[in-house]
Amino acid sequence: MLEKEFRVHTKWSAENKKEVSDVFLNSKTHKVYIENKSPLIVSAAKAFKGDASKYNPEDLLLSAVSSCHMMSYMYLCEKHSITLVNYSDQTQGNLVVKADGSGAFSEININPIVTILEEDKLELAFNLHAEASRLCFIANSCNVPMHYTPNIQIAN
């Protein structure tokens, strides 16, 4: 078994509101830092009073699911000697928000369009999507237990 830790650092400050966004009184725009990568500027979705020009957690979740499915599929194509020529996907998710403000995606639809070279492997290439879904790290993680360790401080 292989175990690998991943980390992100999310940072928001009331002091940076003007720098980040003059539009919202209580801006939800923040930065996410990942070691050795450019920072992501993230906000809430427009529907939740965020900056529509910024990435939002819902976009990032769908992109993670779509990308992970594609990479799992690529792995399987290589394993089965299928020459992948093109891969395109339009992933769509339906988010349901309850009256208490909680919510979740009720479904995510991955719609890949795949081009391969081997005509005799068309059915196998089609069926490998189910296996890719089973292998996808992100899809397998969508109901993972979450643990929170808050540290609350008083501003000076």
N, C-alpha and C. Protein backbone atom coordinates (compact mmCIF):
# COMPACT_ATOMS: atom_id res chain seq x y z
N MET A 1 0.86 -1.18 0.00
CA MET A 1 0.00 0.00 0.00
C MET A 1 0.90 1.24 0.00
N LEU A 2 0.52 2.21 -0.77
CA LEU A 2 1.21 3.50 -0.85
C LEU A 2 0.37 4.54 -0.14
N GLU A 3 1.00 5.34 0.69
CA GLU A 3 0.28 6.42 1.37
C GLU A 3 1.03 7.72 1.09
N LYS A 4 0.31 8.73 0.65
CA LYS A 4 0.91 10.03 0.30
C LYS A 4 0.07 11.13 0.90
N GLU A 5 0.71 12.06 1.59
CA GLU A 5 0.00 13.18 2.20
C GLU A 5 0.01 14.38 1.26
N PHE A 6 -1.10 15.08 1.17
CA PHE A 6 -1.23 16.31 0.40
C PHE A 6 -1.65 17.41 1.34
N ARG A 7 -1.17 18.64 1.10
CA ARG A 7 -1.49 19.76 1.97
C ARG A 7 -1.83 20.99 1.15
N VAL A 8 -2.75 21.77 1.67
CA VAL A 8 -3.03 23.11 1.14
C VAL A 8 -3.09 24.08 2.31
N HIS A 9 -2.80 25.32 2.03
CA HIS A 9 -2.90 26.38 3.04
C HIS A 9 -3.89 27.40 2.51
N THR A 10 -5.00 27.58 3.18
CA THR A 10 -6.04 28.53 2.79
C THR A 10 -5.92 29.76 3.68
N LYS A 11 -5.94 30.94 3.05
CA LYS A 11 -5.74 32.16 3.84
C LYS A 11 -6.69 33.26 3.40
N TRP A 12 -7.40 33.85 4.37
CA TRP A 12 -8.28 34.99 4.18
C TRP A 12 -8.07 35.91 5.36
N SER A 13 -8.17 37.20 5.13
CA SER A 13 -8.06 38.16 6.22
C SER A 13 -8.97 39.34 5.94
N ALA A 14 -9.61 39.83 6.97
CA ALA A 14 -10.44 41.03 6.84
C ALA A 14 -9.58 42.21 6.40
N GLU A 15 -8.31 42.20 6.75
CA GLU A 15 -7.39 43.28 6.37
C GLU A 15 -7.16 43.32 4.86
N ASN A 16 -7.37 42.22 4.17
CA ASN A 16 -7.11 42.15 2.74
C ASN A 16 -8.36 42.38 1.88
N LYS A 17 -9.49 42.68 2.50
CA LYS A 17 -10.74 42.80 1.74
C LYS A 17 -10.61 43.77 0.57
N LYS A 18 -10.05 44.93 0.78
CA LYS A 18 -9.94 45.93 -0.28
C LYS A 18 -9.01 45.44 -1.38
N GLU A 19 -7.91 44.78 -1.00
CA GLU A 19 -6.95 44.27 -1.97
C GLU A 19 -7.59 43.22 -2.87
N VAL A 20 -8.43 42.38 -2.28
CA VAL A 20 -9.01 41.26 -3.00
C VAL A 20 -10.27 41.66 -3.75
N SER A 21 -11.13 42.42 -3.13
CA SER A 21 -12.41 42.74 -3.77
C SER A 21 -13.05 43.96 -3.11
N ASP A 22 -13.31 44.98 -3.89
CA ASP A 22 -14.04 46.15 -3.39
C ASP A 22 -15.55 45.97 -3.54
N VAL A 23 -15.95 44.91 -4.22
CA VAL A 23 -17.35 44.73 -4.58
C VAL A 23 -18.19 44.24 -3.41
N PHE A 24 -17.66 43.34 -2.60
CA PHE A 24 -18.45 42.72 -1.56
C PHE A 24 -18.04 43.25 -0.19
N LEU A 25 -19.03 43.60 0.62
CA LEU A 25 -18.79 44.10 1.96
C LEU A 25 -18.04 43.06 2.79
N ASN A 26 -18.43 41.80 2.67
CA ASN A 26 -17.76 40.72 3.39
C ASN A 26 -17.28 39.71 2.35
N SER A 27 -16.24 40.06 1.64
CA SER A 27 -15.73 39.23 0.56
C SER A 27 -15.36 37.84 1.04
N LYS A 28 -15.72 36.86 0.24
CA LYS A 28 -15.35 35.48 0.53
C LYS A 28 -14.12 35.07 -0.28
N THR A 29 -13.57 36.00 -1.03
CA THR A 29 -12.41 35.71 -1.86
C THR A 29 -11.18 35.50 -0.98
N HIS A 30 -10.44 34.46 -1.29
CA HIS A 30 -9.28 34.10 -0.49
C HIS A 30 -8.24 33.44 -1.38
N LYS A 31 -7.10 33.12 -0.82
CA LYS A 31 -6.05 32.44 -1.57
C LYS A 31 -5.81 31.06 -1.00
N VAL A 32 -5.52 30.13 -1.89
CA VAL A 32 -5.16 28.78 -1.52
C VAL A 32 -3.74 28.55 -2.04
N TYR A 33 -2.87 28.18 -1.11
CA TYR A 33 -1.47 27.94 -1.44
C TYR A 33 -1.18 26.45 -1.40
N ILE A 34 -0.51 25.98 -2.44
CA ILE A 34 -0.07 24.59 -2.52
C ILE A 34 1.42 24.64 -2.82
N GLU A 35 2.19 23.93 -2.04
CA GLU A 35 3.65 24.00 -2.15
C GLU A 35 4.13 23.84 -3.59
N ASN A 36 5.02 24.74 -4.00
CA ASN A 36 5.67 24.74 -5.32
C ASN A 36 4.70 24.98 -6.47
N LYS A 37 3.55 25.61 -6.19
CA LYS A 37 2.58 25.93 -7.24
C LYS A 37 2.11 27.36 -7.08
N SER A 38 1.61 27.94 -8.15
CA SER A 38 1.05 29.29 -8.07
C SER A 38 -0.19 29.27 -7.19
N PRO A 39 -0.40 30.33 -6.40
CA PRO A 39 -1.60 30.37 -5.55
C PRO A 39 -2.87 30.42 -6.40
N LEU A 40 -3.93 29.82 -5.87
CA LEU A 40 -5.25 29.91 -6.49
C LEU A 40 -6.03 31.01 -5.78
N ILE A 41 -6.71 31.84 -6.54
CA ILE A 41 -7.61 32.82 -5.94
C ILE A 41 -9.01 32.22 -6.05
N VAL A 42 -9.63 32.01 -4.90
CA VAL A 42 -10.89 31.28 -4.81
C VAL A 42 -11.93 32.16 -4.13
N SER A 43 -13.17 32.02 -4.53
CA SER A 43 -14.28 32.73 -3.90
C SER A 43 -15.46 31.77 -3.82
N ALA A 44 -16.53 32.25 -3.25
CA ALA A 44 -17.77 31.48 -3.29
C ALA A 44 -18.33 31.59 -4.71
N ALA A 45 -19.21 30.68 -5.06
CA ALA A 45 -19.90 30.77 -6.35
C ALA A 45 -20.77 32.03 -6.34
N LYS A 46 -21.04 32.56 -7.51
CA LYS A 46 -21.84 33.78 -7.61
C LYS A 46 -23.19 33.63 -6.89
N ALA A 47 -23.78 32.44 -6.99
CA ALA A 47 -25.07 32.18 -6.34
C ALA A 47 -24.99 32.33 -4.82
N PHE A 48 -23.77 32.26 -4.28
CA PHE A 48 -23.57 32.36 -2.83
C PHE A 48 -22.80 33.63 -2.47
N LYS A 49 -23.03 34.68 -3.27
CA LYS A 49 -22.47 36.02 -3.05
C LYS A 49 -20.95 36.06 -3.18
N GLY A 50 -20.43 35.23 -4.08
CA GLY A 50 -19.00 35.23 -4.34
C GLY A 50 -18.68 35.97 -5.62
N ASP A 51 -17.42 36.03 -5.93
CA ASP A 51 -16.92 36.68 -7.14
C ASP A 51 -16.96 35.68 -8.29
N ALA A 52 -17.83 35.91 -9.24
CA ALA A 52 -18.05 34.97 -10.34
C ALA A 52 -16.81 34.79 -11.23
N SER A 53 -15.87 35.72 -11.17
CA SER A 53 -14.67 35.61 -12.00
C SER A 53 -13.59 34.72 -11.37
N LYS A 54 -13.83 34.25 -10.16
CA LYS A 54 -12.84 33.43 -9.45
C LYS A 54 -13.29 31.96 -9.41
N TYR A 55 -12.31 31.09 -9.22
CA TYR A 55 -12.64 29.69 -9.00
C TYR A 55 -13.46 29.58 -7.71
N ASN A 56 -14.32 28.58 -7.64
CA ASN A 56 -15.06 28.33 -6.41
C ASN A 56 -14.92 26.85 -6.05
N PRO A 57 -15.19 26.48 -4.80
CA PRO A 57 -15.01 25.09 -4.38
C PRO A 57 -15.80 24.09 -5.23
N GLU A 58 -16.98 24.49 -5.68
CA GLU A 58 -17.79 23.59 -6.51
C GLU A 58 -17.10 23.34 -7.85
N ASP A 59 -16.57 24.41 -8.48
CA ASP A 59 -15.81 24.25 -9.73
C ASP A 59 -14.62 23.33 -9.52
N LEU A 60 -13.92 23.55 -8.42
CA LEU A 60 -12.70 22.79 -8.16
C LEU A 60 -13.00 21.32 -7.88
N LEU A 61 -14.10 21.04 -7.19
CA LEU A 61 -14.49 19.65 -6.96
C LEU A 61 -14.81 18.96 -8.28
N LEU A 62 -15.62 19.61 -9.12
CA LEU A 62 -15.97 19.01 -10.41
C LEU A 62 -14.74 18.83 -11.29
N SER A 63 -13.83 19.80 -11.28
CA SER A 63 -12.62 19.67 -12.09
C SER A 63 -11.75 18.53 -11.56
N ALA A 64 -11.70 18.35 -10.25
CA ALA A 64 -10.93 17.25 -9.67
C ALA A 64 -11.52 15.90 -10.07
N VAL A 65 -12.84 15.78 -10.01
CA VAL A 65 -13.50 14.53 -10.42
C VAL A 65 -13.25 14.26 -11.90
N SER A 66 -13.42 15.27 -12.74
CA SER A 66 -13.23 15.11 -14.18
C SER A 66 -11.78 14.74 -14.51
N SER A 67 -10.83 15.45 -13.94
CA SER A 67 -9.41 15.18 -14.20
C SER A 67 -9.00 13.80 -13.71
N CYS A 68 -9.45 13.44 -12.51
CA CYS A 68 -9.08 12.15 -11.95
C CYS A 68 -9.66 11.00 -12.77
N HIS A 69 -10.90 11.15 -13.22
CA HIS A 69 -11.50 10.11 -14.05
C HIS A 69 -10.69 9.96 -15.34
N MET A 70 -10.32 11.09 -15.96
CA MET A 70 -9.55 11.04 -17.19
C MET A 70 -8.20 10.33 -16.97
N MET A 71 -7.51 10.68 -15.89
CA MET A 71 -6.20 10.06 -15.65
C MET A 71 -6.32 8.58 -15.32
N SER A 72 -7.38 8.19 -14.62
CA SER A 72 -7.63 6.77 -14.36
C SER A 72 -7.91 6.04 -15.67
N TYR A 73 -8.67 6.68 -16.53
CA TYR A 73 -8.98 6.11 -17.85
C TYR A 73 -7.72 5.97 -18.70
N MET A 74 -6.87 7.00 -18.66
CA MET A 74 -5.60 6.95 -19.42
C MET A 74 -4.74 5.77 -18.94
N TYR A 75 -4.69 5.59 -17.64
CA TYR A 75 -3.94 4.47 -17.06
C TYR A 75 -4.47 3.14 -17.61
N LEU A 76 -5.79 2.99 -17.63
CA LEU A 76 -6.39 1.74 -18.11
C LEU A 76 -6.17 1.54 -19.61
N CYS A 77 -6.25 2.61 -20.38
CA CYS A 77 -5.99 2.49 -21.82
C CYS A 77 -4.57 2.00 -22.06
N GLU A 78 -3.63 2.56 -21.34
CA GLU A 78 -2.23 2.13 -21.48
C GLU A 78 -2.09 0.65 -21.09
N LYS A 79 -2.72 0.28 -19.99
CA LYS A 79 -2.67 -1.11 -19.50
C LYS A 79 -3.24 -2.09 -20.52
N HIS A 80 -4.25 -1.65 -21.29
CA HIS A 80 -4.91 -2.52 -22.27
C HIS A 80 -4.47 -2.23 -23.70
N SER A 81 -3.37 -1.53 -23.86
CA SER A 81 -2.80 -1.20 -25.18
C SER A 81 -3.80 -0.53 -26.11
N ILE A 82 -4.52 0.42 -25.56
CA ILE A 82 -5.43 1.24 -26.35
C ILE A 82 -4.75 2.59 -26.55
N THR A 83 -4.64 3.00 -27.81
CA THR A 83 -4.00 4.27 -28.14
C THR A 83 -5.03 5.38 -28.06
N LEU A 84 -4.91 6.19 -27.03
CA LEU A 84 -5.81 7.32 -26.83
C LEU A 84 -5.31 8.49 -27.67
N VAL A 85 -6.19 9.03 -28.53
CA VAL A 85 -5.82 10.13 -29.42
C VAL A 85 -6.35 11.46 -28.87
N ASN A 86 -7.60 11.47 -28.43
CA ASN A 86 -8.23 12.67 -27.86
C ASN A 86 -9.16 12.27 -26.73
N TYR A 87 -9.24 13.18 -25.76
CA TYR A 87 -10.16 12.99 -24.63
C TYR A 87 -10.71 14.36 -24.29
N SER A 88 -12.02 14.48 -24.25
CA SER A 88 -12.68 15.72 -23.88
C SER A 88 -13.83 15.36 -22.95
N ASP A 89 -14.11 16.23 -21.99
CA ASP A 89 -15.17 15.91 -21.04
C ASP A 89 -15.91 17.18 -20.64
N GLN A 90 -17.19 17.08 -20.50
CA GLN A 90 -18.04 18.15 -19.95
C GLN A 90 -18.70 17.57 -18.70
N THR A 91 -18.06 17.78 -17.56
CA THR A 91 -18.63 17.28 -16.31
C THR A 91 -19.62 18.30 -15.76
N GLN A 92 -20.73 17.80 -15.26
CA GLN A 92 -21.80 18.66 -14.74
C GLN A 92 -22.27 18.07 -13.44
N GLY A 93 -22.50 18.94 -12.46
CA GLY A 93 -22.98 18.46 -11.17
C GLY A 93 -24.19 19.26 -10.72
N ASN A 94 -25.09 18.62 -10.01
CA ASN A 94 -26.27 19.28 -9.45
C ASN A 94 -26.10 19.42 -7.95
N LEU A 95 -26.04 20.67 -7.49
CA LEU A 95 -25.89 20.98 -6.08
C LEU A 95 -27.25 21.27 -5.50
N VAL A 96 -27.57 20.62 -4.39
CA VAL A 96 -28.83 20.84 -3.70
C VAL A 96 -28.51 21.52 -2.37
N VAL A 97 -29.12 22.69 -2.15
CA VAL A 97 -28.93 23.42 -0.90
C VAL A 97 -30.23 23.31 -0.11
N LYS A 98 -30.11 22.88 1.13
CA LYS A 98 -31.28 22.69 2.00
C LYS A 98 -31.63 24.00 2.70
N ALA A 99 -32.80 24.03 3.31
CA ALA A 99 -33.29 25.23 4.00
C ALA A 99 -32.35 25.68 5.13
N ASP A 100 -31.64 24.73 5.75
CA ASP A 100 -30.73 25.09 6.85
C ASP A 100 -29.38 25.60 6.37
N GLY A 101 -29.19 25.68 5.03
CA GLY A 101 -27.94 26.18 4.46
C GLY A 101 -26.93 25.11 4.13
N SER A 102 -27.16 23.88 4.58
CA SER A 102 -26.25 22.79 4.21
C SER A 102 -26.57 22.34 2.79
N GLY A 103 -25.66 21.63 2.21
CA GLY A 103 -25.91 21.17 0.85
C GLY A 103 -24.92 20.12 0.41
N ALA A 104 -25.19 19.54 -0.74
CA ALA A 104 -24.31 18.52 -1.31
C ALA A 104 -24.66 18.36 -2.78
N PHE A 105 -23.72 17.84 -3.52
CA PHE A 105 -24.03 17.47 -4.89
C PHE A 105 -24.91 16.23 -4.84
N SER A 106 -26.03 16.27 -5.54
CA SER A 106 -26.92 15.11 -5.58
C SER A 106 -26.47 14.13 -6.66
N GLU A 107 -25.76 14.64 -7.65
CA GLU A 107 -25.20 13.79 -8.69
C GLU A 107 -24.14 14.57 -9.46
N ILE A 108 -23.21 13.82 -10.02
CA ILE A 108 -22.19 14.38 -10.90
C ILE A 108 -22.20 13.54 -12.16
N ASN A 109 -22.29 14.20 -13.30
CA ASN A 109 -22.34 13.52 -14.60
C ASN A 109 -21.06 13.82 -15.36
N ILE A 110 -20.31 12.75 -15.65
CA ILE A 110 -19.07 12.85 -16.42
C ILE A 110 -19.40 12.39 -17.84
N ASN A 111 -19.07 13.22 -18.81
CA ASN A 111 -19.48 12.96 -20.20
C ASN A 111 -18.28 12.97 -21.14
N PRO A 112 -17.40 11.98 -21.03
CA PRO A 112 -16.21 12.00 -21.88
C PRO A 112 -16.50 11.65 -23.33
N ILE A 113 -15.78 12.33 -24.21
CA ILE A 113 -15.76 12.00 -25.64
C ILE A 113 -14.33 11.56 -25.92
N VAL A 114 -14.17 10.31 -26.31
CA VAL A 114 -12.86 9.70 -26.43
C VAL A 114 -12.63 9.25 -27.87
N THR A 115 -11.43 9.50 -28.36
CA THR A 115 -11.02 9.01 -29.68
C THR A 115 -9.84 8.08 -29.48
N ILE A 116 -9.95 6.86 -30.08
CA ILE A 116 -8.87 5.88 -29.99
C ILE A 116 -8.49 5.45 -31.42
N LEU A 117 -7.38 4.73 -31.52
CA LEU A 117 -6.94 4.23 -32.84
C LEU A 117 -7.49 2.86 -33.18
N GLU A 118 -7.61 1.99 -32.20
CA GLU A 118 -7.93 0.58 -32.43
C GLU A 118 -9.43 0.35 -32.54
N GLU A 119 -9.91 0.12 -33.75
CA GLU A 119 -11.35 -0.10 -33.98
C GLU A 119 -11.83 -1.36 -33.27
N ASP A 120 -10.98 -2.38 -33.17
CA ASP A 120 -11.37 -3.64 -32.55
C ASP A 120 -11.47 -3.54 -31.02
N LYS A 121 -11.07 -2.40 -30.44
CA LYS A 121 -11.12 -2.23 -28.99
C LYS A 121 -12.16 -1.19 -28.56
N LEU A 122 -13.09 -0.91 -29.45
CA LEU A 122 -14.13 0.09 -29.18
C LEU A 122 -14.96 -0.27 -27.94
N GLU A 123 -15.44 -1.50 -27.87
CA GLU A 123 -16.26 -1.92 -26.73
C GLU A 123 -15.45 -1.91 -25.43
N LEU A 124 -14.22 -2.39 -25.49
CA LEU A 124 -13.36 -2.38 -24.31
C LEU A 124 -13.12 -0.94 -23.84
N ALA A 125 -12.84 -0.04 -24.79
CA ALA A 125 -12.61 1.37 -24.45
C ALA A 125 -13.83 1.97 -23.77
N PHE A 126 -15.01 1.60 -24.23
CA PHE A 126 -16.25 2.07 -23.62
C PHE A 126 -16.37 1.52 -22.19
N ASN A 127 -16.16 0.24 -22.02
CA ASN A 127 -16.33 -0.42 -20.72
C ASN A 127 -15.29 0.01 -19.69
N LEU A 128 -14.15 0.48 -20.14
CA LEU A 128 -13.10 0.90 -19.20
C LEU A 128 -13.50 2.12 -18.38
N HIS A 129 -14.52 2.85 -18.80
CA HIS A 129 -14.98 4.01 -18.02
C HIS A 129 -15.54 3.58 -16.66
N ALA A 130 -16.20 2.44 -16.60
CA ALA A 130 -16.71 1.94 -15.31
C ALA A 130 -15.54 1.60 -14.39
N GLU A 131 -14.51 0.99 -14.94
CA GLU A 131 -13.33 0.66 -14.15
C GLU A 131 -12.59 1.93 -13.72
N ALA A 132 -12.52 2.91 -14.61
CA ALA A 132 -11.88 4.20 -14.27
C ALA A 132 -12.62 4.86 -13.13
N SER A 133 -13.92 4.78 -13.13
CA SER A 133 -14.72 5.34 -12.05
C SER A 133 -14.41 4.64 -10.73
N ARG A 134 -14.22 3.33 -10.78
CA ARG A 134 -13.90 2.56 -9.58
C ARG A 134 -12.51 2.91 -9.06
N LEU A 135 -11.57 3.24 -9.95
CA LEU A 135 -10.20 3.54 -9.56
C LEU A 135 -9.99 5.00 -9.13
N CYS A 136 -10.84 5.90 -9.55
CA CYS A 136 -10.65 7.34 -9.35
C CYS A 136 -10.52 7.71 -7.88
N PHE A 137 -9.36 8.25 -7.50
CA PHE A 137 -9.10 8.64 -6.11
C PHE A 137 -10.12 9.65 -5.61
N ILE A 138 -10.46 10.62 -6.44
CA ILE A 138 -11.35 11.70 -6.01
C ILE A 138 -12.78 11.19 -5.85
N ALA A 139 -13.28 10.44 -6.82
CA ALA A 139 -14.63 9.88 -6.71
C ALA A 139 -14.73 8.97 -5.48
N ASN A 140 -13.67 8.22 -5.21
CA ASN A 140 -13.65 7.33 -4.04
C ASN A 140 -13.60 8.11 -2.73
N SER A 141 -13.22 9.37 -2.79
CA SER A 141 -13.03 10.18 -1.58
C SER A 141 -14.22 11.08 -1.26
N CYS A 142 -15.22 11.12 -2.10
CA CYS A 142 -16.29 12.10 -1.92
C CYS A 142 -17.09 11.92 -0.63
N ASN A 143 -17.09 10.75 -0.02
CA ASN A 143 -17.77 10.56 1.26
C ASN A 143 -16.80 10.21 2.38
N VAL A 144 -15.58 10.71 2.27
CA VAL A 144 -14.55 10.43 3.27
C VAL A 144 -14.88 11.14 4.58
N PRO A 145 -14.61 10.52 5.72
CA PRO A 145 -14.82 11.22 6.99
C PRO A 145 -13.92 12.46 7.07
N MET A 146 -14.44 13.53 7.61
CA MET A 146 -13.68 14.77 7.78
C MET A 146 -13.46 14.97 9.28
N HIS A 147 -12.25 15.36 9.62
CA HIS A 147 -11.91 15.63 11.02
C HIS A 147 -11.49 17.09 11.12
N TYR A 148 -11.94 17.78 12.11
CA TYR A 148 -11.66 19.21 12.29
C TYR A 148 -10.92 19.42 13.61
N THR A 149 -9.87 20.21 13.55
CA THR A 149 -9.10 20.55 14.74
C THR A 149 -8.97 22.07 14.79
N PRO A 150 -9.99 22.77 15.24
CA PRO A 150 -9.94 24.23 15.24
C PRO A 150 -9.03 24.79 16.33
N ASN A 151 -8.50 25.96 16.03
CA ASN A 151 -7.71 26.72 16.99
C ASN A 151 -8.22 28.14 16.90
N ILE A 152 -8.92 28.62 17.93
CA ILE A 152 -9.55 29.93 17.93
C ILE A 152 -8.70 30.90 18.71
N GLN A 153 -8.47 32.08 18.12
CA GLN A 153 -7.66 33.09 18.75
C GLN A 153 -8.46 34.39 18.89
N ILE A 154 -8.04 35.24 19.80
CA ILE A 154 -8.66 36.54 19.99
C ILE A 154 -7.77 37.59 19.36
N ALA A 155 -8.37 38.46 18.53
CA ALA A 155 -7.60 39.53 17.89
C ALA A 155 -7.16 40.54 18.94
N ASN A 156 -5.99 41.07 18.75
CA ASN A 156 -5.46 42.09 19.69
C ASN A 156 -5.97 43.46 19.34
